[in-house]
Amino acid sequence: MLRAFLTPRWLGVHALTVAAVLVLARIGWWQWDKGGSDGRAWQHYGYALQWWLFAGFAVFLWVKLVLDELDPGRVEQRNAEDPTLPVVVQPSAPPPAEDDDDELAAYNRHLAWLAENGRP
């Protein structure tokens, strides 16, 4: 189980998370120290807390990624059809207009073919 988190992809996620937390915490600490140096202390303290919240959010996302990897059913349950959500109906493409311009008619036929085959 631990081995799954030692792949290059996960090592990158771990390194990015640690780097983000360290940088954001350091910026927050700097902002906190700056708070006592001028008359706008409350503003600096607020920014310091904001940076620390960003660091906490990075940890939250990392924990969520790890939990989703450990239990893939968590993701599938969220993606299951929920009867409370509205049903989205994709409109069908109108038939191509008959045109005197052969190039435009060919283009419209191509667009209709794309719409029928589920391509954007």
PDB file of N, CA and C in Angstrom:
ATOM      1  N   MET A   1       0.828  -1.187   0.000  1.00  0.00           N
ATOM      2  CA  MET A   1       0.000   0.000   0.000  1.00  0.00           C
ATOM      3  C   MET A   1       0.873   1.251   0.000  1.00  0.00           C
ATOM      4  N   LEU A   2       1.886   1.269   0.829  1.00  0.00           N
ATOM      5  CA  LEU A   2       2.785   2.427   0.871  1.00  0.00           C
ATOM      6  C   LEU A   2       3.551   2.574  -0.432  1.00  0.00           C
ATOM      7  N   ARG A   3       3.777   1.459  -1.097  1.00  0.00           N
ATOM      8  CA  ARG A   3       4.524   1.470  -2.350  1.00  0.00           C
ATOM      9  C   ARG A   3       3.837   2.309  -3.434  1.00  0.00           C
ATOM     10  N   ALA A   4       2.516   2.362  -3.386  1.00  0.00           N
ATOM     11  CA  ALA A   4       1.775   3.130  -4.395  1.00  0.00           C
ATOM     12  C   ALA A   4       2.094   4.618  -4.305  1.00  0.00           C
ATOM     13  N   PHE A   5       2.502   5.069  -3.124  1.00  0.00           N
ATOM     14  CA  PHE A   5       2.787   6.479  -2.934  1.00  0.00           C
ATOM     15  C   PHE A   5       4.258   6.816  -3.143  1.00  0.00           C
ATOM     16  N   LEU A   6       5.026   5.859  -3.652  1.00  0.00           N
ATOM     17  CA  LEU A   6       6.442   6.091  -3.940  1.00  0.00           C
ATOM     18  C   LEU A   6       6.735   6.087  -5.439  1.00  0.00           C
ATOM     19  N   THR A   7       5.693   6.215  -6.239  1.00  0.00           N
ATOM     20  CA  THR A   7       5.879   6.305  -7.683  1.00  0.00           C
ATOM     21  C   THR A   7       6.354   7.719  -8.019  1.00  0.00           C
ATOM     22  N   PRO A   8       6.939   7.922  -9.178  1.00  0.00           N
ATOM     23  CA  PRO A   8       7.399   9.273  -9.537  1.00  0.00           C
ATOM     24  C   PRO A   8       6.293  10.323  -9.471  1.00  0.00           C
ATOM     25  N   ARG A   9       5.093   9.946  -9.875  1.00  0.00           N
ATOM     26  CA  ARG A   9       3.975  10.892  -9.837  1.00  0.00           C
ATOM     27  C   ARG A   9       3.686  11.312  -8.397  1.00  0.00           C
ATOM     28  N   TRP A  10       3.597  10.339  -7.507  1.00  0.00           N
ATOM     29  CA  TRP A  10       3.286  10.653  -6.118  1.00  0.00           C
ATOM     30  C   TRP A  10       4.438  11.371  -5.429  1.00  0.00           C
ATOM     31  N   LEU A  11       5.663  11.007  -5.760  1.00  0.00           N
ATOM     32  CA  LEU A  11       6.793  11.720  -5.168  1.00  0.00           C
ATOM     33  C   LEU A  11       6.757  13.198  -5.564  1.00  0.00           C
ATOM     34  N   GLY A  12       6.346  13.456  -6.798  1.00  0.00           N
ATOM     35  CA  GLY A  12       6.184  14.843  -7.242  1.00  0.00           C
ATOM     36  C   GLY A  12       5.085  15.553  -6.472  1.00  0.00           C
ATOM     37  N   VAL A  13       3.977  14.855  -6.231  1.00  0.00           N
ATOM     38  CA  VAL A  13       2.875  15.447  -5.462  1.00  0.00           C
ATOM     39  C   VAL A  13       3.334  15.740  -4.038  1.00  0.00           C
ATOM     40  N   HIS A  14       4.051  14.789  -3.432  1.00  0.00           N
ATOM     41  CA  HIS A  14       4.543  14.995  -2.072  1.00  0.00           C
ATOM     42  C   HIS A  14       5.506  16.186  -2.020  1.00  0.00           C
ATOM     43  N   ALA A  15       6.436  16.232  -2.956  1.00  0.00           N
ATOM     44  CA  ALA A  15       7.421  17.322  -2.971  1.00  0.00           C
ATOM     45  C   ALA A  15       6.746  18.667  -3.198  1.00  0.00           C
ATOM     46  N   LEU A  16       5.804  18.716  -4.114  1.00  0.00           N
ATOM     47  CA  LEU A  16       5.088  19.965  -4.385  1.00  0.00           C
ATOM     48  C   LEU A  16       4.299  20.422  -3.164  1.00  0.00           C
ATOM     49  N   THR A  17       3.669  19.478  -2.484  1.00  0.00           N
ATOM     50  CA  THR A  17       2.901  19.827  -1.287  1.00  0.00           C
ATOM     51  C   THR A  17       3.805  20.361  -0.188  1.00  0.00           C
ATOM     52  N   VAL A  18       4.922  19.677   0.061  1.00  0.00           N
ATOM     53  CA  VAL A  18       5.847  20.125   1.105  1.00  0.00           C
ATOM     54  C   VAL A  18       6.410  21.499   0.747  1.00  0.00           C
ATOM     55  N   ALA A  19       6.803  21.690  -0.513  1.00  0.00           N
ATOM     56  CA  ALA A  19       7.351  22.978  -0.932  1.00  0.00           C
ATOM     57  C   ALA A  19       6.302  24.082  -0.781  1.00  0.00           C
ATOM     58  N   ALA A  20       5.068  23.801  -1.183  1.00  0.00           N
ATOM     59  CA  ALA A  20       4.014  24.809  -1.078  1.00  0.00           C
ATOM     60  C   ALA A  20       3.754  25.181   0.375  1.00  0.00           C
ATOM     61  N   VAL A  21       3.678  24.179   1.244  1.00  0.00           N
ATOM     62  CA  VAL A  21       3.417  24.465   2.657  1.00  0.00           C
ATOM     63  C   VAL A  21       4.561  25.272   3.258  1.00  0.00           C
ATOM     64  N   LEU A  22       5.797  24.893   2.955  1.00  0.00           N
ATOM     65  CA  LEU A  22       6.940  25.625   3.504  1.00  0.00           C
ATOM     66  C   LEU A  22       6.971  27.077   3.023  1.00  0.00           C
ATOM     67  N   VAL A  23       6.763  27.271   1.738  1.00  0.00           N
ATOM     68  CA  VAL A  23       6.790  28.630   1.186  1.00  0.00           C
ATOM     69  C   VAL A  23       5.642  29.465   1.748  1.00  0.00           C
ATOM     70  N   LEU A  24       4.440  28.899   1.778  1.00  0.00           N
ATOM     71  CA  LEU A  24       3.291  29.659   2.274  1.00  0.00           C
ATOM     72  C   LEU A  24       3.420  29.959   3.767  1.00  0.00           C
ATOM     73  N   ALA A  25       3.934  28.998   4.531  1.00  0.00           N
ATOM     74  CA  ALA A  25       4.134  29.242   5.966  1.00  0.00           C
ATOM     75  C   ALA A  25       5.200  30.320   6.185  1.00  0.00           C
ATOM     76  N   ARG A  26       6.261  30.281   5.387  1.00  0.00           N
ATOM     77  CA  ARG A  26       7.318  31.284   5.510  1.00  0.00           C
ATOM     78  C   ARG A  26       6.799  32.682   5.158  1.00  0.00           C
ATOM     79  N   ILE A  27       6.004  32.775   4.107  1.00  0.00           N
ATOM     80  CA  ILE A  27       5.422  34.070   3.740  1.00  0.00           C
ATOM     81  C   ILE A  27       4.513  34.564   4.855  1.00  0.00           C
ATOM     82  N   GLY A  28       3.726  33.652   5.436  1.00  0.00           N
ATOM     83  CA  GLY A  28       2.863  34.034   6.558  1.00  0.00           C
ATOM     84  C   GLY A  28       3.663  34.513   7.753  1.00  0.00           C
ATOM     85  N   TRP A  29       4.768  33.837   8.051  1.00  0.00           N
ATOM     86  CA  TRP A  29       5.619  34.255   9.173  1.00  0.00           C
ATOM     87  C   TRP A  29       6.220  35.636   8.908  1.00  0.00           C
ATOM     88  N   TRP A  30       6.672  35.863   7.670  1.00  0.00           N
ATOM     89  CA  TRP A  30       7.227  37.175   7.311  1.00  0.00           C
ATOM     90  C   TRP A  30       6.158  38.260   7.467  1.00  0.00           C
ATOM     91  N   GLN A  31       4.949  37.947   7.022  1.00  0.00           N
ATOM     92  CA  GLN A  31       3.868  38.928   7.104  1.00  0.00           C
ATOM     93  C   GLN A  31       3.533  39.209   8.569  1.00  0.00           C
ATOM     94  N   TRP A  32       3.586  38.191   9.409  1.00  0.00           N
ATOM     95  CA  TRP A  32       3.305  38.368  10.829  1.00  0.00           C
ATOM     96  C   TRP A  32       4.358  39.269  11.479  1.00  0.00           C
ATOM     97  N   ASP A  33       5.631  39.026  11.138  1.00  0.00           N
ATOM     98  CA  ASP A  33       6.707  39.867  11.672  1.00  0.00           C
ATOM     99  C   ASP A  33       6.576  41.317  11.214  1.00  0.00           C
ATOM    100  N   LYS A  34       6.139  41.502   9.996  1.00  0.00           N
ATOM    101  CA  LYS A  34       5.986  42.849   9.455  1.00  0.00           C
ATOM    102  C   LYS A  34       4.846  43.592  10.139  1.00  0.00           C
ATOM    103  N   GLY A  35       3.941  42.852  10.740  1.00  0.00           N
ATOM    104  CA  GLY A  35       2.770  43.457  11.373  1.00  0.00           C
ATOM    105  C   GLY A  35       3.107  44.420  12.494  1.00  0.00           C
ATOM    106  N   GLY A  36       4.184  44.200  13.205  1.00  0.00           N
ATOM    107  CA  GLY A  36       4.521  45.091  14.295  1.00  0.00           C
ATOM    108  C   GLY A  36       5.329  46.306  13.875  1.00  0.00           C
ATOM    109  N   SER A  37       5.677  46.415  12.594  1.00  0.00           N
ATOM    110  CA  SER A  37       6.591  47.470  12.163  1.00  0.00           C
ATOM    111  C   SER A  37       5.913  48.768  11.738  1.00  0.00           C
ATOM    112  N   ASP A  38       4.618  48.753  11.494  1.00  0.00           N
ATOM    113  CA  ASP A  38       3.955  50.001  11.097  1.00  0.00           C
ATOM    114  C   ASP A  38       2.545  50.054  11.691  1.00  0.00           C
ATOM    115  N   GLY A  39       1.809  51.062  11.330  1.00  0.00           N
ATOM    116  CA  GLY A  39       0.480  51.265  11.906  1.00  0.00           C
ATOM    117  C   GLY A  39      -0.608  50.379  11.338  1.00  0.00           C
ATOM    118  N   ARG A  40      -0.303  49.592  10.342  1.00  0.00           N
ATOM    119  CA  ARG A  40      -1.319  48.731   9.732  1.00  0.00           C
ATOM    120  C   ARG A  40      -1.161  47.290  10.208  1.00  0.00           C
ATOM    121  N   ALA A  41      -0.952  47.098  11.480  1.00  0.00           N
ATOM    122  CA  ALA A  41      -0.671  45.767  12.017  1.00  0.00           C
ATOM    123  C   ALA A  41      -1.807  44.792  11.723  1.00  0.00           C
ATOM    124  N   TRP A  42      -3.042  45.218  11.873  1.00  0.00           N
ATOM    125  CA  TRP A  42      -4.175  44.322  11.671  1.00  0.00           C
ATOM    126  C   TRP A  42      -4.196  43.775  10.250  1.00  0.00           C
ATOM    127  N   GLN A  43      -3.811  44.610   9.287  1.00  0.00           N
ATOM    128  CA  GLN A  43      -3.807  44.172   7.899  1.00  0.00           C
ATOM    129  C   GLN A  43      -2.729  43.112   7.683  1.00  0.00           C
ATOM    130  N   HIS A  44      -1.559  43.316   8.241  1.00  0.00           N
ATOM    131  CA  HIS A  44      -0.483  42.341   8.091  1.00  0.00           C
ATOM    132  C   HIS A  44      -0.828  41.032   8.790  1.00  0.00           C
ATOM    133  N   TYR A  45      -1.429  41.128   9.968  1.00  0.00           N
ATOM    134  CA  TYR A  45      -1.827  39.910  10.677  1.00  0.00           C
ATOM    135  C   TYR A  45      -2.893  39.144   9.888  1.00  0.00           C
ATOM    136  N   GLY A  46      -3.794  39.883   9.268  1.00  0.00           N
ATOM    137  CA  GLY A  46      -4.808  39.234   8.429  1.00  0.00           C
ATOM    138  C   GLY A  46      -4.192  38.519   7.241  1.00  0.00           C
ATOM    139  N   TYR A  47      -3.228  39.174   6.598  1.00  0.00           N
ATOM    140  CA  TYR A  47      -2.541  38.525   5.475  1.00  0.00           C
ATOM    141  C   TYR A  47      -1.756  37.308   5.939  1.00  0.00           C
ATOM    142  N   ALA A  48      -1.151  37.384   7.120  1.00  0.00           N
ATOM    143  CA  ALA A  48      -0.413  36.239   7.646  1.00  0.00           C
ATOM    144  C   ALA A  48      -1.348  35.055   7.823  1.00  0.00           C
ATOM    145  N   LEU A  49      -2.514  35.300   8.410  1.00  0.00           N
ATOM    146  CA  LEU A  49      -3.482  34.213   8.579  1.00  0.00           C
ATOM    147  C   LEU A  49      -3.949  33.672   7.233  1.00  0.00           C
ATOM    148  N   GLN A  50      -4.079  34.554   6.282  1.00  0.00           N
ATOM    149  CA  GLN A  50      -4.500  34.124   4.939  1.00  0.00           C
ATOM    150  C   GLN A  50      -3.472  33.173   4.334  1.00  0.00           C
ATOM    151  N   TRP A  51      -2.184  33.499   4.456  1.00  0.00           N
ATOM    152  CA  TRP A  51      -1.154  32.615   3.898  1.00  0.00           C
ATOM    153  C   TRP A  51      -1.146  31.272   4.601  1.00  0.00           C
ATOM    154  N   TRP A  52      -1.368  31.282   5.914  1.00  0.00           N
ATOM    155  CA  TRP A  52      -1.396  30.020   6.654  1.00  0.00           C
ATOM    156  C   TRP A  52      -2.627  29.198   6.281  1.00  0.00           C
ATOM    157  N   LEU A  53      -3.737  29.868   5.972  1.00  0.00           N
ATOM    158  CA  LEU A  53      -4.913  29.139   5.488  1.00  0.00           C
ATOM    159  C   LEU A  53      -4.639  28.498   4.128  1.00  0.00           C
ATOM    160  N   PHE A  54      -3.926  29.208   3.270  1.00  0.00           N
ATOM    161  CA  PHE A  54      -3.544  28.615   1.985  1.00  0.00           C
ATOM    162  C   PHE A  54      -2.694  27.364   2.197  1.00  0.00           C
ATOM    163  N   ALA A  55      -1.758  27.417   3.137  1.00  0.00           N
ATOM    164  CA  ALA A  55      -0.930  26.251   3.444  1.00  0.00           C
ATOM    165  C   ALA A  55      -1.800  25.111   3.962  1.00  0.00           C
ATOM    166  N   GLY A  56      -2.755  25.435   4.817  1.00  0.00           N
ATOM    167  CA  GLY A  56      -3.680  24.407   5.315  1.00  0.00           C
ATOM    168  C   GLY A  56      -4.518  23.805   4.205  1.00  0.00           C
ATOM    169  N   PHE A  57      -4.896  24.629   3.243  1.00  0.00           N
ATOM    170  CA  PHE A  57      -5.673  24.118   2.111  1.00  0.00           C
ATOM    171  C   PHE A  57      -4.833  23.172   1.260  1.00  0.00           C
ATOM    172  N   ALA A  58      -3.552  23.468   1.109  1.00  0.00           N
ATOM    173  CA  ALA A  58      -2.662  22.567   0.371  1.00  0.00           C
ATOM    174  C   ALA A  58      -2.584  21.214   1.071  1.00  0.00           C
ATOM    175  N   VAL A  59      -2.497  21.225   2.392  1.00  0.00           N
ATOM    176  CA  VAL A  59      -2.482  19.967   3.149  1.00  0.00           C
ATOM    177  C   VAL A  59      -3.814  19.244   2.981  1.00  0.00           C
ATOM    178  N   PHE A  60      -4.915  19.977   3.038  1.00  0.00           N
ATOM    179  CA  PHE A  60      -6.241  19.382   2.848  1.00  0.00           C
ATOM    180  C   PHE A  60      -6.335  18.682   1.490  1.00  0.00           C
ATOM    181  N   LEU A  61      -5.864  19.339   0.440  1.00  0.00           N
ATOM    182  CA  LEU A  61      -5.916  18.733  -0.892  1.00  0.00           C
ATOM    183  C   LEU A  61      -5.046  17.485  -0.972  1.00  0.00           C
ATOM    184  N   TRP A  62      -3.871  17.534  -0.335  1.00  0.00           N
ATOM    185  CA  TRP A  62      -2.989  16.368  -0.335  1.00  0.00           C
ATOM    186  C   TRP A  62      -3.664  15.198   0.374  1.00  0.00           C
ATOM    187  N   VAL A  63      -4.275  15.458   1.521  1.00  0.00           N
ATOM    188  CA  VAL A  63      -4.972  14.397   2.253  1.00  0.00           C
ATOM    189  C   VAL A  63      -6.108  13.834   1.408  1.00  0.00           C
ATOM    190  N   LYS A  64      -6.847  14.697   0.735  1.00  0.00           N
ATOM    191  CA  LYS A  64      -7.948  14.244  -0.118  1.00  0.00           C
ATOM    192  C   LYS A  64      -7.438  13.363  -1.250  1.00  0.00           C
ATOM    193  N   LEU A  65      -6.336  13.755  -1.878  1.00  0.00           N
ATOM    194  CA  LEU A  65      -5.765  12.938  -2.944  1.00  0.00           C
ATOM    195  C   LEU A  65      -5.332  11.569  -2.428  1.00  0.00           C
ATOM    196  N   VAL A  66      -4.708  11.548  -1.257  1.00  0.00           N
ATOM    197  CA  VAL A  66      -4.261  10.271  -0.685  1.00  0.00           C
ATOM    198  C   VAL A  66      -5.461   9.384  -0.357  1.00  0.00           C
ATOM    199  N   LEU A  67      -6.489   9.953   0.267  1.00  0.00           N
ATOM    200  CA  LEU A  67      -7.671   9.162   0.607  1.00  0.00           C
ATOM    201  C   LEU A  67      -8.386   8.647  -0.639  1.00  0.00           C
ATOM    202  N   ASP A  68      -8.467   9.457  -1.677  1.00  0.00           N
ATOM    203  CA  ASP A  68      -9.086   9.015  -2.927  1.00  0.00           C
ATOM    204  C   ASP A  68      -8.283   7.892  -3.576  1.00  0.00           C
ATOM    205  N   GLU A  69      -6.966   7.933  -3.440  1.00  0.00           N
ATOM    206  CA  GLU A  69      -6.129   6.876  -4.007  1.00  0.00           C
ATOM    207  C   GLU A  69      -6.283   5.586  -3.206  1.00  0.00           C
ATOM    208  N   LEU A  70      -6.410   5.698  -1.890  1.00  0.00           N
ATOM    209  CA  LEU A  70      -6.554   4.515  -1.050  1.00  0.00           C
ATOM    210  C   LEU A  70      -7.917   3.847  -1.224  1.00  0.00           C
ATOM    211  N   ASP A  71      -8.957   4.639  -1.449  1.00  0.00           N
ATOM    212  CA  ASP A  71     -10.310   4.105  -1.592  1.00  0.00           C
ATOM    213  C   ASP A  71     -10.951   4.684  -2.842  1.00  0.00           C
ATOM    214  N   PRO A  72     -10.738   4.047  -4.000  1.00  0.00           N
ATOM    215  CA  PRO A  72     -11.312   4.579  -5.245  1.00  0.00           C
ATOM    216  C   PRO A  72     -12.832   4.640  -5.218  1.00  0.00           C
ATOM    217  N   GLY A  73     -13.467   3.889  -4.346  1.00  0.00           N
ATOM    218  CA  GLY A  73     -14.923   3.930  -4.242  1.00  0.00           C
ATOM    219  C   GLY A  73     -15.436   5.289  -3.821  1.00  0.00           C
ATOM    220  N   ARG A  74     -14.606   6.065  -3.099  1.00  0.00           N
ATOM    221  CA  ARG A  74     -15.013   7.414  -2.703  1.00  0.00           C
ATOM    222  C   ARG A  74     -15.297   8.266  -3.929  1.00  0.00           C
ATOM    223  N   VAL A  75     -14.453   8.144  -4.933  1.00  0.00           N
ATOM    224  CA  VAL A  75     -14.620   8.943  -6.148  1.00  0.00           C
ATOM    225  C   VAL A  75     -15.815   8.440  -6.938  1.00  0.00           C
ATOM    226  N   GLU A  76     -15.965   7.115  -7.024  1.00  0.00           N
ATOM    227  CA  GLU A  76     -17.071   6.543  -7.788  1.00  0.00           C
ATOM    228  C   GLU A  76     -18.406   6.887  -7.160  1.00  0.00           C
ATOM    229  N   GLN A  77     -18.467   6.926  -5.828  1.00  0.00           N
ATOM    230  CA  GLN A  77     -19.720   7.275  -5.167  1.00  0.00           C
ATOM    231  C   GLN A  77     -20.115   8.710  -5.478  1.00  0.00           C
ATOM    232  N   ARG A  78     -19.152   9.596  -5.540  1.00  0.00           N
ATOM    233  CA  ARG A  78     -19.472  10.986  -5.843  1.00  0.00           C
ATOM    234  C   ARG A  78     -19.903  11.145  -7.293  1.00  0.00           C
ATOM    235  N   ASN A  79     -19.377  10.277  -8.172  1.00  0.00           N
ATOM    236  CA  ASN A  79     -19.709  10.398  -9.581  1.00  0.00           C
ATOM    237  C   ASN A  79     -20.956   9.608  -9.960  1.00  0.00           C
ATOM    238  N   ALA A  80     -21.508   8.815  -9.023  1.00  0.00           N
ATOM    239  CA  ALA A  80     -22.709   8.040  -9.319  1.00  0.00           C
ATOM    240  C   ALA A  80     -23.869   8.995  -9.585  1.00  0.00           C
ATOM    241  N   GLU A  81     -24.821   8.487 -10.320  1.00  0.00           N
ATOM    242  CA  GLU A  81     -25.968   9.339 -10.630  1.00  0.00           C
ATOM    243  C   GLU A  81     -26.734   9.658  -9.358  1.00  0.00           C
ATOM    244  N   ASP A  82     -26.992  10.925  -9.162  1.00  0.00           N
ATOM    245  CA  ASP A  82     -27.718  11.404  -7.997  1.00  0.00           C
ATOM    246  C   ASP A  82     -29.109  11.817  -8.463  1.00  0.00           C
ATOM    247  N   PRO A  83     -30.154  11.199  -7.910  1.00  0.00           N
ATOM    248  CA  PRO A  83     -31.501  11.526  -8.396  1.00  0.00           C
ATOM    249  C   PRO A  83     -31.910  12.962  -8.113  1.00  0.00           C
ATOM    250  N   THR A  84     -31.221  13.641  -7.214  1.00  0.00           N
ATOM    251  CA  THR A  84     -31.603  15.021  -6.923  1.00  0.00           C
ATOM    252  C   THR A  84     -31.040  16.003  -7.940  1.00  0.00           C
ATOM    253  N   LEU A  85     -30.071  15.552  -8.744  1.00  0.00           N
ATOM    254  CA  LEU A  85     -29.490  16.444  -9.740  1.00  0.00           C
ATOM    255  C   LEU A  85     -30.358  16.471 -10.990  1.00  0.00           C
ATOM    256  N   PRO A  86     -30.454  17.608 -11.646  1.00  0.00           N
ATOM    257  CA  PRO A  86     -31.260  17.670 -12.861  1.00  0.00           C
ATOM    258  C   PRO A  86     -30.599  16.885 -13.993  1.00  0.00           C
ATOM    259  N   VAL A  87     -31.421  16.331 -14.848  1.00  0.00           N
ATOM    260  CA  VAL A  87     -30.931  15.593 -15.998  1.00  0.00           C
ATOM    261  C   VAL A  87     -30.567  16.586 -17.092  1.00  0.00           C
ATOM    262  N   VAL A  88     -29.372  16.446 -17.624  1.00  0.00           N
ATOM    263  CA  VAL A  88     -28.923  17.334 -18.690  1.00  0.00           C
ATOM    264  C   VAL A  88     -29.162  16.632 -20.013  1.00  0.00           C
ATOM    265  N   VAL A  89     -29.945  17.256 -20.852  1.00  0.00           N
ATOM    266  CA  VAL A  89     -30.256  16.687 -22.154  1.00  0.00           C
ATOM    267  C   VAL A  89     -29.487  17.475 -23.202  1.00  0.00           C
ATOM    268  N   GLN A  90     -28.694  16.750 -23.979  1.00  0.00           N
ATOM    269  CA  GLN A  90     -27.939  17.401 -25.045  1.00  0.00           C
ATOM    270  C   GLN A  90     -28.873  17.622 -26.232  1.00  0.00           C
ATOM    271  N   PRO A  91     -28.979  18.859 -26.709  1.00  0.00           N
ATOM    272  CA  PRO A  91     -29.847  19.107 -27.856  1.00  0.00           C
ATOM    273  C   PRO A  91     -29.263  18.469 -29.120  1.00  0.00           C
ATOM    274  N   SER A  92     -30.154  17.985 -29.947  1.00  0.00           N
ATOM    275  CA  SER A  92     -29.682  17.407 -31.198  1.00  0.00           C
ATOM    276  C   SER A  92     -29.415  18.533 -32.199  1.00  0.00           C
ATOM    277  N   ALA A  93     -28.508  18.270 -33.094  1.00  0.00           N
ATOM    278  CA  ALA A  93     -28.155  19.281 -34.090  1.00  0.00           C
ATOM    279  C   ALA A  93     -29.272  19.377 -35.126  1.00  0.00           C
ATOM    280  N   PRO A  94     -29.584  20.591 -35.520  1.00  0.00           N
ATOM    281  CA  PRO A  94     -30.610  20.729 -36.560  1.00  0.00           C
ATOM    282  C   PRO A  94     -30.075  20.185 -37.883  1.00  0.00           C
ATOM    283  N   PRO A  95     -30.960  19.758 -38.749  1.00  0.00           N
ATOM    284  CA  PRO A  95     -30.488  19.261 -40.038  1.00  0.00           C
ATOM    285  C   PRO A  95     -29.807  20.386 -40.815  1.00  0.00           C
ATOM    286  N   PRO A  96     -28.819  20.047 -41.605  1.00  0.00           N
ATOM    287  CA  PRO A  96     -28.118  21.092 -42.353  1.00  0.00           C
ATOM    288  C   PRO A  96     -29.067  21.775 -43.339  1.00  0.00           C
ATOM    289  N   ALA A  97     -28.924  23.056 -43.428  1.00  0.00           N
ATOM    290  CA  ALA A  97     -29.766  23.838 -44.333  1.00  0.00           C
ATOM    291  C   ALA A  97     -29.332  23.577 -45.777  1.00  0.00           C
ATOM    292  N   GLU A  98     -30.319  23.513 -46.621  1.00  0.00           N
ATOM    293  CA  GLU A  98     -30.015  23.371 -48.042  1.00  0.00           C
ATOM    294  C   GLU A  98     -29.531  24.724 -48.536  1.00  0.00           C
ATOM    295  N   ASP A  99     -28.390  24.703 -49.171  1.00  0.00           N
ATOM    296  CA  ASP A  99     -27.777  25.952 -49.581  1.00  0.00           C
ATOM    297  C   ASP A  99     -27.319  25.850 -51.027  1.00  0.00           C
ATOM    298  N   ASP A 100     -27.233  26.991 -51.665  1.00  0.00           N
ATOM    299  CA  ASP A 100     -26.736  27.027 -53.036  1.00  0.00           C
ATOM    300  C   ASP A 100     -25.223  26.891 -53.064  1.00  0.00           C
ATOM    301  N   ASP A 101     -24.584  27.229 -51.950  1.00  0.00           N
ATOM    302  CA  ASP A 101     -23.131  27.196 -51.872  1.00  0.00           C
ATOM    303  C   ASP A 101     -22.684  25.768 -51.542  1.00  0.00           C
ATOM    304  N   ASP A 102     -22.005  25.120 -52.477  1.00  0.00           N
ATOM    305  CA  ASP A 102     -21.591  23.724 -52.282  1.00  0.00           C
ATOM    306  C   ASP A 102     -20.584  23.586 -51.141  1.00  0.00           C
ATOM    307  N   GLU A 103     -19.675  24.537 -51.017  1.00  0.00           N
ATOM    308  CA  GLU A 103     -18.667  24.465 -49.954  1.00  0.00           C
ATOM    309  C   GLU A 103     -19.322  24.599 -48.575  1.00  0.00           C
ATOM    310  N   LEU A 104     -20.282  25.517 -48.455  1.00  0.00           N
ATOM    311  CA  LEU A 104     -20.985  25.701 -47.192  1.00  0.00           C
ATOM    312  C   LEU A 104     -21.840  24.472 -46.869  1.00  0.00           C
ATOM    313  N   ALA A 105     -22.469  23.896 -47.875  1.00  0.00           N
ATOM    314  CA  ALA A 105     -23.286  22.699 -47.659  1.00  0.00           C
ATOM    315  C   ALA A 105     -22.409  21.530 -47.198  1.00  0.00           C
ATOM    316  N   ALA A 106     -21.228  21.393 -47.792  1.00  0.00           N
ATOM    317  CA  ALA A 106     -20.313  20.327 -47.368  1.00  0.00           C
ATOM    318  C   ALA A 106     -19.859  20.546 -45.929  1.00  0.00           C
ATOM    319  N   TYR A 107     -19.607  21.775 -45.583  1.00  0.00           N
ATOM    320  CA  TYR A 107     -19.198  22.095 -44.212  1.00  0.00           C
ATOM    321  C   TYR A 107     -20.333  21.790 -43.231  1.00  0.00           C
ATOM    322  N   ASN A 108     -21.550  22.145 -43.597  1.00  0.00           N
ATOM    323  CA  ASN A 108     -22.699  21.860 -42.736  1.00  0.00           C
ATOM    324  C   ASN A 108     -22.915  20.357 -42.578  1.00  0.00           C
ATOM    325  N   ARG A 109     -22.718  19.585 -43.653  1.00  0.00           N
ATOM    326  CA  ARG A 109     -22.829  18.126 -43.545  1.00  0.00           C
ATOM    327  C   ARG A 109     -21.764  17.574 -42.602  1.00  0.00           C
ATOM    328  N   HIS A 110     -20.572  18.134 -42.688  1.00  0.00           N
ATOM    329  CA  HIS A 110     -19.496  17.698 -41.798  1.00  0.00           C
ATOM    330  C   HIS A 110     -19.835  18.004 -40.345  1.00  0.00           C
ATOM    331  N   LEU A 111     -20.365  19.198 -40.082  1.00  0.00           N
ATOM    332  CA  LEU A 111     -20.771  19.547 -38.719  1.00  0.00           C
ATOM    333  C   LEU A 111     -21.876  18.626 -38.218  1.00  0.00           C
ATOM    334  N   ALA A 112     -22.841  18.306 -39.064  1.00  0.00           N
ATOM    335  CA  ALA A 112     -23.902  17.404 -38.677  1.00  0.00           C
ATOM    336  C   ALA A 112     -23.356  16.022 -38.359  1.00  0.00           C
ATOM    337  N   TRP A 113     -22.388  15.547 -39.150  1.00  0.00           N
ATOM    338  CA  TRP A 113     -21.763  14.246 -38.881  1.00  0.00           C
ATOM    339  C   TRP A 113     -21.043  14.261 -37.545  1.00  0.00           C
ATOM    340  N   LEU A 114     -20.332  15.353 -37.245  1.00  0.00           N
ATOM    341  CA  LEU A 114     -19.652  15.463 -35.953  1.00  0.00           C
ATOM    342  C   LEU A 114     -20.646  15.435 -34.800  1.00  0.00           C
ATOM    343  N   ALA A 115     -21.766  16.135 -34.966  1.00  0.00           N
ATOM    344  CA  ALA A 115     -22.779  16.171 -33.909  1.00  0.00           C
ATOM    345  C   ALA A 115     -23.411  14.798 -33.699  1.00  0.00           C
ATOM    346  N   GLU A 116     -23.651  14.061 -34.765  1.00  0.00           N
ATOM    347  CA  GLU A 116     -24.247  12.730 -34.651  1.00  0.00           C
ATOM    348  C   GLU A 116     -23.293  11.736 -33.981  1.00  0.00           C
ATOM    349  N   ASN A 117     -22.018  11.903 -34.187  1.00  0.00           N
ATOM    350  CA  ASN A 117     -21.029  10.973 -33.642  1.00  0.00           C
ATOM    351  C   ASN A 117     -20.502  11.402 -32.277  1.00  0.00           C
ATOM    352  N   GLY A 118     -21.118  12.397 -31.686  1.00  0.00           N
ATOM    353  CA  GLY A 118     -20.757  12.801 -30.323  1.00  0.00           C
ATOM    354  C   GLY A 118     -19.445  13.523 -30.193  1.00  0.00           C
ATOM    355  N   ARG A 119     -19.011  14.163 -31.223  1.00  0.00           N
ATOM    356  CA  ARG A 119     -17.762  14.921 -31.144  1.00  0.00           C
ATOM    357  C   ARG A 119     -18.090  16.381 -30.986  1.00  0.00           C
ATOM    358  N   PRO A 120     -17.243  17.128 -30.297  1.00  0.00           N
ATOM    359  CA  PRO A 120     -17.524  18.565 -30.074  1.00  0.00           C
ATOM    360  C   PRO A 120     -17.412  19.378 -31.344  1.00  0.00           C
TER     361      PRO A 120
END
